PDB file of N, CA and C in Angstrom:
ATOM      1  N   MET A   1     120.738 110.714 103.517  1.00  0.00           N
ATOM      2  CA  MET A   1     119.893 111.459 102.593  1.00  0.00           C
ATOM      3  C   MET A   1     118.993 110.463 101.872  1.00  0.00           C
ATOM      4  N   ASP A   2     117.691 110.682 101.940  1.00  0.00           N
ATOM      5  CA  ASP A   2     116.781 109.801 101.216  1.00  0.00           C
ATOM      6  C   ASP A   2     116.586 110.324  99.786  1.00  0.00           C
ATOM      7  N   LEU A   3     115.853 109.578  98.980  1.00  0.00           N
ATOM      8  CA  LEU A   3     115.687 109.929  97.572  1.00  0.00           C
ATOM      9  C   LEU A   3     115.036 111.292  97.400  1.00  0.00           C
ATOM     10  N   ASN A   4     114.026 111.603  98.209  1.00  0.00           N
ATOM     11  CA  ASN A   4     113.365 112.905  98.080  1.00  0.00           C
ATOM     12  C   ASN A   4     114.330 114.048  98.385  1.00  0.00           C
ATOM     13  N   GLU A   5     115.153 113.889  99.428  1.00  0.00           N
ATOM     14  CA  GLU A   5     116.149 114.918  99.754  1.00  0.00           C
ATOM     15  C   GLU A   5     117.171 115.049  98.632  1.00  0.00           C
ATOM     16  N   TYR A   6     117.569 113.892  98.070  1.00  0.00           N
ATOM     17  CA  TYR A   6     118.538 113.916  96.964  1.00  0.00           C
ATOM     18  C   TYR A   6     117.966 114.663  95.762  1.00  0.00           C
ATOM     19  N   LEU A   7     116.722 114.366  95.417  1.00  0.00           N
ATOM     20  CA  LEU A   7     116.108 115.020  94.268  1.00  0.00           C
ATOM     21  C   LEU A   7     115.887 116.509  94.529  1.00  0.00           C
ATOM     22  N   HIS A   8     115.550 116.873  95.759  1.00  0.00           N
ATOM     23  CA  HIS A   8     115.432 118.296  96.102  1.00  0.00           C
ATOM     24  C   HIS A   8     116.795 118.970  95.931  1.00  0.00           C
ATOM     25  N   ALA A   9     117.847 118.306  96.378  1.00  0.00           N
ATOM     26  CA  ALA A   9     119.199 118.854  96.214  1.00  0.00           C
ATOM     27  C   ALA A   9     119.532 118.993  94.736  1.00  0.00           C
ATOM     28  N   LEU A  10     119.103 118.029  93.933  1.00  0.00           N
ATOM     29  CA  LEU A  10     119.344 118.095  92.492  1.00  0.00           C
ATOM     30  C   LEU A  10     118.672 119.318  91.882  1.00  0.00           C
ATOM     31  N   LEU A  11     117.452 119.585  92.294  1.00  0.00           N
ATOM     32  CA  LEU A  11     116.696 120.704  91.717  1.00  0.00           C
ATOM     33  C   LEU A  11     117.197 122.064  92.192  1.00  0.00           C
ATOM     34  N   THR A  12     117.780 122.128  93.376  1.00  0.00           N
ATOM     35  CA  THR A  12     118.210 123.410  93.926  1.00  0.00           C
ATOM     36  C   THR A  12     119.728 123.527  93.991  1.00  0.00           C
ATOM     37  N   ALA A  13     120.426 122.602  93.411  1.00  0.00           N
ATOM     38  CA  ALA A  13     121.876 122.540  93.531  1.00  0.00           C
ATOM     39  C   ALA A  13     122.592 123.577  92.681  1.00  0.00           C
ATOM     40  N   THR A  14     123.856 123.744  93.023  1.00  0.00           N
ATOM     41  CA  THR A  14     124.717 124.576  92.205  1.00  0.00           C
ATOM     42  C   THR A  14     124.966 123.850  90.889  1.00  0.00           C
ATOM     43  N   PRO A  15     125.466 124.546  89.877  1.00  0.00           N
ATOM     44  CA  PRO A  15     125.695 123.906  88.578  1.00  0.00           C
ATOM     45  C   PRO A  15     126.618 122.689  88.688  1.00  0.00           C
ATOM     46  N   GLY A  16     126.358 121.711  87.834  1.00  0.00           N
ATOM     47  CA  GLY A  16     127.184 120.513  87.806  1.00  0.00           C
ATOM     48  C   GLY A  16     126.443 119.349  87.193  1.00  0.00           C
ATOM     49  N   LEU A  17     127.045 118.161  87.316  1.00  0.00           N
ATOM     50  CA  LEU A  17     126.450 116.916  86.832  1.00  0.00           C
ATOM     51  C   LEU A  17     125.965 116.113  88.028  1.00  0.00           C
ATOM     52  N   PHE A  18     124.787 115.488  87.902  1.00  0.00           N
ATOM     53  CA  PHE A  18     124.183 114.726  88.975  1.00  0.00           C
ATOM     54  C   PHE A  18     123.628 113.429  88.408  1.00  0.00           C
ATOM     55  N   ARG A  19     123.557 112.374  89.246  1.00  0.00           N
ATOM     56  CA  ARG A  19     123.053 111.089  88.799  1.00  0.00           C
ATOM     57  C   ARG A  19     121.895 110.616  89.669  1.00  0.00           C
ATOM     58  N   VAL A  20     120.992 109.880  89.046  1.00  0.00           N
ATOM     59  CA  VAL A  20     119.972 109.110  89.745  1.00  0.00           C
ATOM     60  C   VAL A  20     120.220 107.669  89.332  1.00  0.00           C
ATOM     61  N   ILE A  21     120.376 106.793  90.326  1.00  0.00           N
ATOM     62  CA  ILE A  21     120.674 105.387  90.054  1.00  0.00           C
ATOM     63  C   ILE A  21     119.527 104.542  90.614  1.00  0.00           C
ATOM     64  N   ALA A  22     118.942 103.725  89.758  1.00  0.00           N
ATOM     65  CA  ALA A  22     117.867 102.822  90.164  1.00  0.00           C
ATOM     66  C   ALA A  22     118.333 101.391  89.921  1.00  0.00           C
ATOM     67  N   PHE A  23     118.188 100.547  90.930  1.00  0.00           N
ATOM     68  CA  PHE A  23     118.517  99.128  90.778  1.00  0.00           C
ATOM     69  C   PHE A  23     117.223  98.365  90.512  1.00  0.00           C
ATOM     70  N   VAL A  24     117.232  97.572  89.463  1.00  0.00           N
ATOM     71  CA  VAL A  24     116.071  96.758  89.089  1.00  0.00           C
ATOM     72  C   VAL A  24     116.465  95.295  89.244  1.00  0.00           C
ATOM     73  N   VAL A  25     115.707  94.559  90.062  1.00  0.00           N
ATOM     74  CA  VAL A  25     115.909  93.117  90.239  1.00  0.00           C
ATOM     75  C   VAL A  25     114.689  92.448  89.638  1.00  0.00           C
ATOM     76  N   THR A  26     114.916  91.609  88.634  1.00  0.00           N
ATOM     77  CA  THR A  26     113.781  91.018  87.916  1.00  0.00           C
ATOM     78  C   THR A  26     114.201  89.726  87.216  1.00  0.00           C
ATOM     79  N   ASP A  27     113.216  88.972  86.816  1.00  0.00           N
ATOM     80  CA  ASP A  27     113.469  87.828  85.935  1.00  0.00           C
ATOM     81  C   ASP A  27     112.775  88.051  84.594  1.00  0.00           C
ATOM     82  N   GLN A  28     112.308  89.274  84.372  1.00  0.00           N
ATOM     83  CA  GLN A  28     111.599  89.631  83.143  1.00  0.00           C
ATOM     84  C   GLN A  28     112.480  90.523  82.273  1.00  0.00           C
ATOM     85  N   ASP A  29     112.490  90.262  80.988  1.00  0.00           N
ATOM     86  CA  ASP A  29     113.193  91.142  80.065  1.00  0.00           C
ATOM     87  C   ASP A  29     112.437  92.461  79.982  1.00  0.00           C
ATOM     88  N   PHE A  30     113.162  93.535  79.794  1.00  0.00           N
ATOM     89  CA  PHE A  30     112.513  94.823  79.621  1.00  0.00           C
ATOM     90  C   PHE A  30     113.330  95.678  78.673  1.00  0.00           C
ATOM     91  N   ASP A  31     112.664  96.625  78.057  1.00  0.00           N
ATOM     92  CA  ASP A  31     113.302  97.533  77.111  1.00  0.00           C
ATOM     93  C   ASP A  31     113.318  98.934  77.685  1.00  0.00           C
ATOM     94  N   GLU A  32     114.155  99.744  77.106  1.00  0.00           N
ATOM     95  CA  GLU A  32     114.204 101.151  77.478  1.00  0.00           C
ATOM     96  C   GLU A  32     112.881 101.806  77.121  1.00  0.00           C
ATOM     97  N   SER A  33     112.433 102.694  77.972  1.00  0.00           N
ATOM     98  CA  SER A  33     111.178 103.396  77.724  1.00  0.00           C
ATOM     99  C   SER A  33     111.344 104.364  76.560  1.00  0.00           C
ATOM    100  N   PRO A  34     110.326 104.484  75.716  1.00  0.00           N
ATOM    101  CA  PRO A  34     110.396 105.465  74.628  1.00  0.00           C
ATOM    102  C   PRO A  34     110.247 106.894  75.150  1.00  0.00           C
ATOM    103  N   GLN A  35     109.773 107.039  76.406  1.00  0.00           N
ATOM    104  CA  GLN A  35     109.609 108.355  77.020  1.00  0.00           C
ATOM    105  C   GLN A  35     110.978 108.883  77.439  1.00  0.00           C
ATOM    106  N   PRO A  36     111.280 110.143  77.175  1.00  0.00           N
ATOM    107  CA  PRO A  36     112.564 110.688  77.617  1.00  0.00           C
ATOM    108  C   PRO A  36     112.600 110.826  79.143  1.00  0.00           C
ATOM    109  N   MET A  37     113.768 110.631  79.731  1.00  0.00           N
ATOM    110  CA  MET A  37     113.914 110.781  81.175  1.00  0.00           C
ATOM    111  C   MET A  37     113.852 112.265  81.521  1.00  0.00           C
ATOM    112  N   THR A  38     113.152 112.570  82.597  1.00  0.00           N
ATOM    113  CA  THR A  38     113.049 113.950  83.065  1.00  0.00           C
ATOM    114  C   THR A  38     113.282 113.987  84.570  1.00  0.00           C
ATOM    115  N   VAL A  39     113.555 115.166  85.092  1.00  0.00           N
ATOM    116  CA  VAL A  39     113.698 115.336  86.528  1.00  0.00           C
ATOM    117  C   VAL A  39     112.384 114.957  87.217  1.00  0.00           C
ATOM    118  N   ASP A  40     111.241 115.304  86.612  1.00  0.00           N
ATOM    119  CA  ASP A  40     109.940 114.972  87.211  1.00  0.00           C
ATOM    120  C   ASP A  40     109.730 113.467  87.311  1.00  0.00           C
ATOM    121  N   VAL A  41     110.124 112.720  86.282  1.00  0.00           N
ATOM    122  CA  VAL A  41     109.987 111.260  86.327  1.00  0.00           C
ATOM    123  C   VAL A  41     110.862 110.702  87.449  1.00  0.00           C
ATOM    124  N   ALA A  42     112.119 111.141  87.499  1.00  0.00           N
ATOM    125  CA  ALA A  42     113.024 110.660  88.548  1.00  0.00           C
ATOM    126  C   ALA A  42     112.483 111.025  89.930  1.00  0.00           C
ATOM    127  N   ALA A  43     111.932 112.220  90.068  1.00  0.00           N
ATOM    128  CA  ALA A  43     111.372 112.653  91.355  1.00  0.00           C
ATOM    129  C   ALA A  43     110.189 111.780  91.761  1.00  0.00           C
ATOM    130  N   SER A  44     109.403 111.319  90.789  1.00  0.00           N
ATOM    131  CA  SER A  44     108.243 110.479  91.111  1.00  0.00           C
ATOM    132  C   SER A  44     108.670 109.145  91.705  1.00  0.00           C
ATOM    133  N   TRP A  45     109.864 108.691  91.403  1.00  0.00           N
ATOM    134  CA  TRP A  45     110.347 107.424  91.959  1.00  0.00           C
ATOM    135  C   TRP A  45     110.478 107.501  93.471  1.00  0.00           C
ATOM    136  N   GLY A  46     110.712 108.681  94.002  1.00  0.00           N
ATOM    137  CA  GLY A  46     110.799 108.836  95.447  1.00  0.00           C
ATOM    138  C   GLY A  46     109.489 108.518  96.141  1.00  0.00           C
ATOM    139  N   HIS A  47     108.391 108.624  95.410  1.00  0.00           N
ATOM    140  CA  HIS A  47     107.073 108.349  95.983  1.00  0.00           C
ATOM    141  C   HIS A  47     106.559 106.972  95.599  1.00  0.00           C
ATOM    142  N   SER A  48     106.998 106.438  94.463  1.00  0.00           N
ATOM    143  CA  SER A  48     106.457 105.167  93.990  1.00  0.00           C
ATOM    144  C   SER A  48     107.424 104.002  94.172  1.00  0.00           C
ATOM    145  N   GLY A  49     108.700 104.289  94.336  1.00  0.00           N
ATOM    146  CA  GLY A  49     109.689 103.227  94.503  1.00  0.00           C
ATOM    147  C   GLY A  49     109.794 102.821  95.960  1.00  0.00           C
ATOM    148  N   ALA A  50     110.682 101.894  96.230  1.00  0.00           N
ATOM    149  CA  ALA A  50     110.885 101.423  97.594  1.00  0.00           C
ATOM    150  C   ALA A  50     112.385 101.293  97.852  1.00  0.00           C
ATOM    151  N   PRO A  51     112.810 101.512  99.089  1.00  0.00           N
ATOM    152  CA  PRO A  51     114.234 101.405  99.387  1.00  0.00           C
ATOM    153  C   PRO A  51     114.711  99.959  99.482  1.00  0.00           C
ATOM    154  N   ARG A  52     113.773  99.024  99.511  1.00  0.00           N
ATOM    155  CA  ARG A  52     114.151  97.606  99.570  1.00  0.00           C
ATOM    156  C   ARG A  52     113.020  96.770  98.983  1.00  0.00           C
ATOM    157  N   LEU A  53     113.328  95.521  98.705  1.00  0.00           N
ATOM    158  CA  LEU A  53     112.304  94.618  98.181  1.00  0.00           C
ATOM    159  C   LEU A  53     111.260  94.343  99.263  1.00  0.00           C
ATOM    160  N   PRO A  54     109.992  94.181  98.881  1.00  0.00           N
ATOM    161  CA  PRO A  54     108.991  93.748  99.862  1.00  0.00           C
ATOM    162  C   PRO A  54     109.400  92.393 100.441  1.00  0.00           C
ATOM    163  N   VAL A  55     109.089  92.139 101.712  1.00  0.00           N
ATOM    164  CA  VAL A  55     109.515  90.922 102.402  1.00  0.00           C
ATOM    165  C   VAL A  55     109.122  89.669 101.614  1.00  0.00           C
ATOM    166  N   ALA A  56     107.878  89.609 101.158  1.00  0.00           N
ATOM    167  CA  ALA A  56     107.420  88.417 100.428  1.00  0.00           C
ATOM    168  C   ALA A  56     108.259  88.189  99.174  1.00  0.00           C
ATOM    169  N   MET A  57     108.626  89.252  98.487  1.00  0.00           N
ATOM    170  CA  MET A  57     109.431  89.116  97.281  1.00  0.00           C
ATOM    171  C   MET A  57     110.883  88.781  97.630  1.00  0.00           C
ATOM    172  N   ALA A  58     111.409  89.382  98.674  1.00  0.00           N
ATOM    173  CA  ALA A  58     112.797  89.138  99.065  1.00  0.00           C
ATOM    174  C   ALA A  58     113.014  87.682  99.484  1.00  0.00           C
ATOM    175  N   GLN A  59     111.961  87.033  99.963  1.00  0.00           N
ATOM    176  CA  GLN A  59     112.078  85.644 100.408  1.00  0.00           C
ATOM    177  C   GLN A  59     111.981  84.648  99.263  1.00  0.00           C
ATOM    178  N   LEU A  60     111.585  85.094  98.085  1.00  0.00           N
ATOM    179  CA  LEU A  60     111.503  84.194  96.937  1.00  0.00           C
ATOM    180  C   LEU A  60     112.901  83.801  96.484  1.00  0.00           C
ATOM    181  N   PRO A  61     113.079  82.532  96.101  1.00  0.00           N
ATOM    182  CA  PRO A  61     114.401  82.146  95.597  1.00  0.00           C
ATOM    183  C   PRO A  61     114.642  82.770  94.220  1.00  0.00           C
ATOM    184  N   ALA A  62     115.864  83.145  93.979  1.00  0.00           N
ATOM    185  CA  ALA A  62     116.222  83.675  92.666  1.00  0.00           C
ATOM    186  C   ALA A  62     116.285  82.519  91.674  1.00  0.00           C
ATOM    187  N   SER A  63     115.816  82.767  90.481  1.00  0.00           N
ATOM    188  CA  SER A  63     115.897  81.743  89.439  1.00  0.00           C
ATOM    189  C   SER A  63     117.144  81.995  88.600  1.00  0.00           C
ATOM    190  N   LYS A  64     117.380  81.123  87.661  1.00  0.00           N
ATOM    191  CA  LYS A  64     118.527  81.319  86.765  1.00  0.00           C
ATOM    192  C   LYS A  64     118.324  82.528  85.867  1.00  0.00           C
ATOM    193  N   ARG A  65     117.074  82.999  85.769  1.00  0.00           N
ATOM    194  CA  ARG A  65     116.779  84.181  84.946  1.00  0.00           C
ATOM    195  C   ARG A  65     116.841  85.495  85.733  1.00  0.00           C
ATOM    196  N   THR A  66     116.964  85.417  87.053  1.00  0.00           N
ATOM    197  CA  THR A  66     116.963  86.632  87.874  1.00  0.00           C
ATOM    198  C   THR A  66     118.251  87.410  87.654  1.00  0.00           C
ATOM    199  N   PHE A  67     118.092  88.703  87.447  1.00  0.00           N
ATOM    200  CA  PHE A  67     119.266  89.556  87.274  1.00  0.00           C
ATOM    201  C   PHE A  67     119.000  90.920  87.884  1.00  0.00           C
ATOM    202  N   CYS A  68     120.069  91.643  88.111  1.00  0.00           N
ATOM    203  CA  CYS A  68     119.977  92.991  88.658  1.00  0.00           C
ATOM    204  C   CYS A  68     120.666  93.939  87.689  1.00  0.00           C
ATOM    205  N   VAL A  69     120.012  95.031  87.405  1.00  0.00           N
ATOM    206  CA  VAL A  69     120.547  96.039  86.489  1.00  0.00           C
ATOM    207  C   VAL A  69     120.550  97.383  87.209  1.00  0.00           C
ATOM    208  N   ALA A  70     121.642  98.112  87.077  1.00  0.00           N
ATOM    209  CA  ALA A  70     121.695  99.482  87.589  1.00  0.00           C
ATOM    210  C   ALA A  70     121.373 100.410  86.425  1.00  0.00           C
ATOM    211  N   LEU A  71     120.283 101.142  86.550  1.00  0.00           N
ATOM    212  CA  LEU A  71     119.907 102.138  85.542  1.00  0.00           C
ATOM    213  C   LEU A  71     120.428 103.479  86.040  1.00  0.00           C
ATOM    214  N   ILE A  72     121.313 104.090  85.278  1.00  0.00           N
ATOM    215  CA  ILE A  72     121.972 105.313  85.713  1.00  0.00           C
ATOM    216  C   ILE A  72     121.562 106.449  84.789  1.00  0.00           C
ATOM    217  N   TYR A  73     120.965 107.464  85.384  1.00  0.00           N
ATOM    218  CA  TYR A  73     120.507 108.627  84.637  1.00  0.00           C
ATOM    219  C   TYR A  73     121.309 109.835  85.092  1.00  0.00           C
ATOM    220  N   GLU A  74     121.889 110.525  84.137  1.00  0.00           N
ATOM    221  CA  GLU A  74     122.710 111.685  84.459  1.00  0.00           C
ATOM    222  C   GLU A  74     121.960 112.958  84.073  1.00  0.00           C
ATOM    223  N   PHE A  75     122.048 113.949  84.944  1.00  0.00           N
ATOM    224  CA  PHE A  75     121.425 115.245  84.715  1.00  0.00           C
ATOM    225  C   PHE A  75     122.499 116.320  84.819  1.00  0.00           C
ATOM    226  N   ALA A  76     122.321 117.394  84.054  1.00  0.00           N
ATOM    227  CA  ALA A  76     123.246 118.525  84.098  1.00  0.00           C
ATOM    228  C   ALA A  76     122.476 119.779  84.464  1.00  0.00           C
ATOM    229  N   LYS A  77     123.132 120.605  85.236  1.00  0.00           N
ATOM    230  CA  LYS A  77     122.579 121.906  85.578  1.00  0.00           C
ATOM    231  C   LYS A  77     123.686 122.914  85.269  1.00  0.00           C
ATOM    232  N   HIS A  78     123.433 123.799  84.304  1.00  0.00           N
ATOM    233  CA  HIS A  78     124.481 124.699  83.827  1.00  0.00           C
ATOM    234  C   HIS A  78     124.556 126.013  84.596  1.00  0.00           C
ATOM    235  N   ARG A  79     123.433 126.438  85.171  1.00  0.00           N
ATOM    236  CA  ARG A  79     123.416 127.683  85.935  1.00  0.00           C
ATOM    237  C   ARG A  79     122.624 127.457  87.215  1.00  0.00           C
ATOM    238  N   TYR A  80     122.918 128.219  88.226  1.00  0.00           N
ATOM    239  CA  TYR A  80     122.225 128.081  89.508  1.00  0.00           C
ATOM    240  C   TYR A  80     120.717 128.255  89.348  1.00  0.00           C
ATOM    241  N   ASP A  81     120.289 129.196  88.507  1.00  0.00           N
ATOM    242  CA  ASP A  81     118.862 129.483  88.349  1.00  0.00           C
ATOM    243  C   ASP A  81     118.205 128.695  87.216  1.00  0.00           C
ATOM    244  N   ALA A  82     118.925 127.744  86.649  1.00  0.00           N
ATOM    245  CA  ALA A  82     118.383 126.930  85.551  1.00  0.00           C
ATOM    246  C   ALA A  82     117.912 125.583  86.088  1.00  0.00           C
ATOM    247  N   SER A  83     117.034 124.949  85.345  1.00  0.00           N
ATOM    248  CA  SER A  83     116.579 123.603  85.695  1.00  0.00           C
ATOM    249  C   SER A  83     117.606 122.577  85.240  1.00  0.00           C
ATOM    250  N   ALA A  84     117.646 121.473  85.949  1.00  0.00           N
ATOM    251  CA  ALA A  84     118.490 120.362  85.519  1.00  0.00           C
ATOM    252  C   ALA A  84     117.834 119.693  84.317  1.00  0.00           C
ATOM    253  N   HIS A  85     118.649 119.140  83.416  1.00  0.00           N
ATOM    254  CA  HIS A  85     118.102 118.420  82.271  1.00  0.00           C
ATOM    255  C   HIS A  85     118.854 117.109  82.091  1.00  0.00           C
ATOM    256  N   PHE A  86     118.157 116.129  81.532  1.00  0.00           N
ATOM    257  CA  PHE A  86     118.704 114.801  81.298  1.00  0.00           C
ATOM    258  C   PHE A  86     119.821 114.861  80.266  1.00  0.00           C
ATOM    259  N   VAL A  87     120.900 114.109  80.525  1.00  0.00           N
ATOM    260  CA  VAL A  87     122.027 114.016  79.600  1.00  0.00           C
ATOM    261  C   VAL A  87     122.016 112.605  78.999  1.00  0.00           C
ATOM    262  N   PRO A  88     121.579 112.462  77.758  1.00  0.00           N
ATOM    263  CA  PRO A  88     121.605 111.115  77.160  1.00  0.00           C
ATOM    264  C   PRO A  88     123.035 110.733  76.806  1.00  0.00           C
ATOM    265  N   GLY A  89     123.413 109.511  77.093  1.00  0.00           N
ATOM    266  CA  GLY A  89     124.730 109.016  76.707  1.00  0.00           C
ATOM    267  C   GLY A  89     125.879 109.679  77.446  1.00  0.00           C
ATOM    268  N   SER A  90     126.046 109.339  78.704  1.00  0.00           N
ATOM    269  CA  SER A  90     127.120 109.914  79.512  1.00  0.00           C
ATOM    270  C   SER A  90     128.490 109.523  78.964  1.00  0.00           C
ATOM    271  N   ASN A  91     129.468 110.386  79.197  1.00  0.00           N
ATOM    272  CA  ASN A  91     130.859 110.084  78.823  1.00  0.00           C
ATOM    273  C   ASN A  91     131.539 109.216  79.872  1.00  0.00           C
ATOM    274  N   VAL A  92     130.906 109.054  81.035  1.00  0.00           N
ATOM    275  CA  VAL A  92     131.479 108.261  82.122  1.00  0.00           C
ATOM    276  C   VAL A  92     130.817 106.886  82.121  1.00  0.00           C
ATOM    277  N   PRO A  93     131.610 105.804  81.966  1.00  0.00           N
ATOM    278  CA  PRO A  93     131.027 104.456  81.951  1.00  0.00           C
ATOM    279  C   PRO A  93     130.275 104.150  83.250  1.00  0.00           C
ATOM    280  N   ALA A  94     129.262 103.298  83.149  1.00  0.00           N
ATOM    281  CA  ALA A  94     128.418 102.963  84.300  1.00  0.00           C
ATOM    282  C   ALA A  94     129.244 102.421  85.465  1.00  0.00           C
ATOM    283  N   ALA A  95     130.197 101.536  85.200  1.00  0.00           N
ATOM    284  CA  ALA A  95     131.011 100.972  86.281  1.00  0.00           C
ATOM    285  C   ALA A  95     131.762 102.070  87.029  1.00  0.00           C
ATOM    286  N   GLU A  96     132.238 103.065  86.317  1.00  0.00           N
ATOM    287  CA  GLU A  96     132.945 104.178  86.942  1.00  0.00           C
ATOM    288  C   GLU A  96     131.981 105.041  87.763  1.00  0.00           C
ATOM    289  N   GLN A  97     130.778 105.243  87.275  1.00  0.00           N
ATOM    290  CA  GLN A  97     129.791 106.018  88.029  1.00  0.00           C
ATOM    291  C   GLN A  97     129.429 105.294  89.328  1.00  0.00           C
ATOM    292  N   LEU A  98     129.273 103.978  89.266  1.00  0.00           N
ATOM    293  CA  LEU A  98     128.989 103.209  90.480  1.00  0.00           C
ATOM    294  C   LEU A  98     130.163 103.278  91.448  1.00  0.00           C
ATOM    295  N   ARG A  99     131.387 103.218  90.940  1.00  0.00           N
ATOM    296  CA  ARG A  99     132.571 103.306  91.794  1.00  0.00           C
ATOM    297  C   ARG A  99     132.636 104.672  92.474  1.00  0.00           C
ATOM    298  N   ARG A 100     132.461 105.739  91.695  1.00  0.00           N
ATOM    299  CA  ARG A 100     132.534 107.095  92.244  1.00  0.00           C
ATOM    300  C   ARG A 100     131.459 107.363  93.292  1.00  0.00           C
ATOM    301  N   SER A 101     130.300 106.739  93.137  1.00  0.00           N
ATOM    302  CA  SER A 101     129.207 106.950  94.079  1.00  0.00           C
ATOM    303  C   SER A 101     129.380 106.146  95.357  1.00  0.00           C
ATOM    304  N   GLY A 102     130.304 105.186  95.354  1.00  0.00           N
ATOM    305  CA  GLY A 102     130.486 104.308  96.503  1.00  0.00           C
ATOM    306  C   GLY A 102     129.585 103.078  96.473  1.00  0.00           C
ATOM    307  N   LEU A 103     128.720 102.986  95.467  1.00  0.00           N
ATOM    308  CA  LEU A 103     127.784 101.876  95.373  1.00  0.00           C
ATOM    309  C   LEU A 103     128.448 100.593  94.875  1.00  0.00           C
ATOM    310  N   ALA A 104     129.506 100.705  94.099  1.00  0.00           N
ATOM    311  CA  ALA A 104     130.158  99.494  93.555  1.00  0.00           C
ATOM    312  C   ALA A 104     130.605  98.586  94.679  1.00  0.00           C
ATOM    313  N   ALA A 105     131.218  99.144  95.711  1.00  0.00           N
ATOM    314  CA  ALA A 105     131.682  98.340  96.831  1.00  0.00           C
ATOM    315  C   ALA A 105     130.517  97.717  97.597  1.00  0.00           C
ATOM    316  N   MET A 106     129.392  98.439  97.664  1.00  0.00           N
ATOM    317  CA  MET A 106     128.231  97.936  98.399  1.00  0.00           C
ATOM    318  C   MET A 106     127.564  96.761  97.699  1.00  0.00           C
ATOM    319  N   VAL A 107     127.626  96.722  96.366  1.00  0.00           N
ATOM    320  CA  VAL A 107     126.957  95.657  95.623  1.00  0.00           C
ATOM    321  C   VAL A 107     127.929  94.613  95.096  1.00  0.00           C
ATOM    322  N   GLY A 108     129.193  94.740  95.454  1.00  0.00           N
ATOM    323  CA  GLY A 108     130.190  93.754  95.052  1.00  0.00           C
ATOM    324  C   GLY A 108     130.628  93.868  93.606  1.00  0.00           C
ATOM    325  N   ALA A 109     130.466  95.040  93.020  1.00  0.00           N
ATOM    326  CA  ALA A 109     130.904  95.242  91.619  1.00  0.00           C
ATOM    327  C   ALA A 109     132.401  95.539  91.612  1.00  0.00           C
ATOM    328  N   PRO A 110     133.069  95.233  90.509  1.00  0.00           N
ATOM    329  CA  PRO A 110     134.514  95.512  90.428  1.00  0.00           C
ATOM    330  C   PRO A 110     134.831  96.993  90.442  1.00  0.00           C
TER     331      PRO A 110
END
């Protein structure tokens, strides 16, 4: 399932909790956006993001400042005919969300 299929499933899914996880690899500090997360913003990542680093960037050596952050956004859908909405401050810790998704093992997280 690619990101667009996942987001379509999120928008048409049965009620429940859903996550969008974005991995950011950078050597630049960044802050949380003042804009609230929305399903539309997450959906736009399917068109503007990439499933892997560009070759030229992937070949660059990592510096001591290079780090990777998993940004995890949780959405809730309470009724089948309702829209999903962003849930600020999940009750499930990020490490647990990565474990449940199967991504922790893929990225070597505990």
